[in-house]
Amino acid sequence: MSDVFKALSDPTRRAILSLLRDRAMNAGEIAEAFSQSRATLSGHFAVLHATGLVERERHGSTIVYRLRLSVLEEAWLGLASSLRLGEEKAWGKARPVR
């Protein structure tokens, strides 16, 4: 889970995920939205893929990226659980909010 949040800490990677929210895109389409070099973006793609936030599929010489929303959901639920969000503290003990 910490790798996912580390990946999300970078604004460029968050912007890439935002682009992929609406549809799958190839690397060239994503690169058009940024002023960074393709080599730099390739590094960001690698981090997102390594953490499972995106999946990639090769079509000839083109790589298509898709957002894996389930990984974001799992990370969020894990964080909420570790912080005991949704629980109310009463007399020093946590109890579920109803």
Protein backbone atom coordinates (compact mmCIF):
# COMPACT_ATOMS: atom_id res chain seq x y z
CA MET A 1 0.00 0.00 0.00
CA SER A 2 2.84 2.43 0.76
CA ASP A 3 4.15 2.05 -2.80
CA VAL A 4 0.76 3.13 -4.13
CA PHE A 5 0.71 6.26 -1.98
CA LYS A 6 4.32 7.02 -2.90
CA ALA A 7 3.34 6.77 -6.58
CA LEU A 8 0.35 9.04 -5.94
CA SER A 9 2.54 11.66 -4.25
CA ASP A 10 3.84 12.84 -7.63
CA PRO A 11 1.62 15.42 -9.39
CA THR A 12 2.55 14.19 -12.87
CA ARG A 13 1.50 10.65 -12.01
CA ARG A 14 -1.78 11.91 -10.54
CA ALA A 15 -2.38 13.87 -13.75
CA ILE A 16 -1.75 10.74 -15.83
CA LEU A 17 -4.26 8.81 -13.73
CA SER A 18 -6.76 11.62 -14.16
CA LEU A 19 -6.40 11.38 -17.93
CA LEU A 20 -6.94 7.63 -17.79
CA ARG A 21 -10.06 8.00 -15.66
CA ASP A 22 -12.21 8.60 -18.73
CA ARG A 23 -10.64 6.13 -21.16
CA ALA A 24 -7.62 4.02 -22.02
CA MET A 25 -4.93 5.96 -23.87
CA ASN A 26 -1.73 5.13 -25.64
CA ALA A 27 1.57 6.56 -24.45
CA GLY A 28 1.68 9.12 -27.26
CA GLU A 29 -1.77 10.48 -26.43
CA ILE A 30 -0.80 10.85 -22.79
CA ALA A 31 2.52 12.50 -23.71
CA GLU A 32 0.69 15.18 -25.72
CA ALA A 33 -0.80 16.49 -22.46
CA PHE A 34 2.63 17.12 -20.90
CA SER A 35 5.69 19.25 -21.64
CA GLN A 36 8.02 16.64 -20.13
CA SER A 37 10.14 14.40 -22.33
CA ARG A 38 8.85 10.99 -23.34
CA ALA A 39 11.74 9.43 -21.42
CA THR A 40 10.63 11.17 -18.22
CA LEU A 41 7.02 10.13 -18.79
CA SER A 42 8.16 6.57 -19.47
CA GLY A 43 9.60 6.53 -15.95
CA HIS A 44 6.25 7.67 -14.56
CA PHE A 45 4.44 4.98 -16.57
CA ALA A 46 6.83 2.37 -15.14
CA VAL A 47 6.10 3.44 -11.55
CA LEU A 48 2.34 3.41 -12.15
CA HIS A 49 2.55 -0.03 -13.75
CA ALA A 50 4.81 -1.45 -11.01
CA THR A 51 2.32 -0.41 -8.33
CA GLY A 52 -0.60 -1.85 -10.28
CA LEU A 53 -2.31 1.52 -10.69
CA VAL A 54 -2.31 1.06 -14.45
CA GLU A 55 -2.22 -1.93 -16.73
CA ARG A 56 -0.59 -1.80 -20.10
CA GLU A 57 -1.21 -3.69 -23.27
CA ARG A 58 1.06 -3.72 -26.30
CA HIS A 59 -0.47 -3.40 -29.77
CA GLY A 60 2.45 -3.66 -32.15
CA SER A 61 4.72 -0.73 -31.30
CA THR A 62 1.99 1.08 -29.32
CA ILE A 63 1.42 0.66 -25.59
CA VAL A 64 -2.08 1.34 -24.28
CA TYR A 65 -2.57 2.21 -20.60
CA ARG A 66 -5.72 1.67 -18.51
CA LEU A 67 -6.48 2.83 -14.99
CA ARG A 68 -6.97 0.03 -12.45
CA LEU A 69 -9.45 1.68 -10.13
CA SER A 70 -9.57 -1.39 -7.88
CA VAL A 71 -5.99 -0.71 -6.74
CA LEU A 72 -6.93 2.85 -5.75
CA GLU A 73 -9.98 1.56 -3.90
CA GLU A 74 -7.91 -1.03 -2.02
CA ALA A 75 -5.34 1.59 -1.03
CA TRP A 76 -8.04 3.97 0.17
CA LEU A 77 -9.81 1.25 2.17
CA GLY A 78 -6.50 0.17 3.69
CA LEU A 79 -5.72 3.73 4.72
CA ALA A 80 -9.20 4.27 6.13
CA SER A 81 -8.90 1.05 8.10
CA SER A 82 -5.44 1.84 9.47
CA LEU A 83 -6.63 5.28 10.56
CA ARG A 84 -9.84 3.72 11.87
CA LEU A 85 -11.93 6.16 9.86
CA GLY A 86 -15.62 5.53 10.34
CA GLU A 87 -15.10 4.76 14.03
CA GLU A 88 -16.01 7.00 16.90
CA LYS A 89 -13.84 7.32 20.00
CA ALA A 90 -15.62 6.93 23.30
CA TRP A 91 -13.76 6.91 26.60
CA GLY A 92 -10.50 6.06 24.93
CA LYS A 93 -11.91 3.10 23.01
CA ALA A 94 -12.85 3.14 19.35
CA ARG A 95 -16.26 1.90 18.37
CA PRO A 96 -17.99 1.78 14.98
CA VAL A 97 -20.14 4.76 14.03
CA ARG A 98 -23.76 3.76 13.40
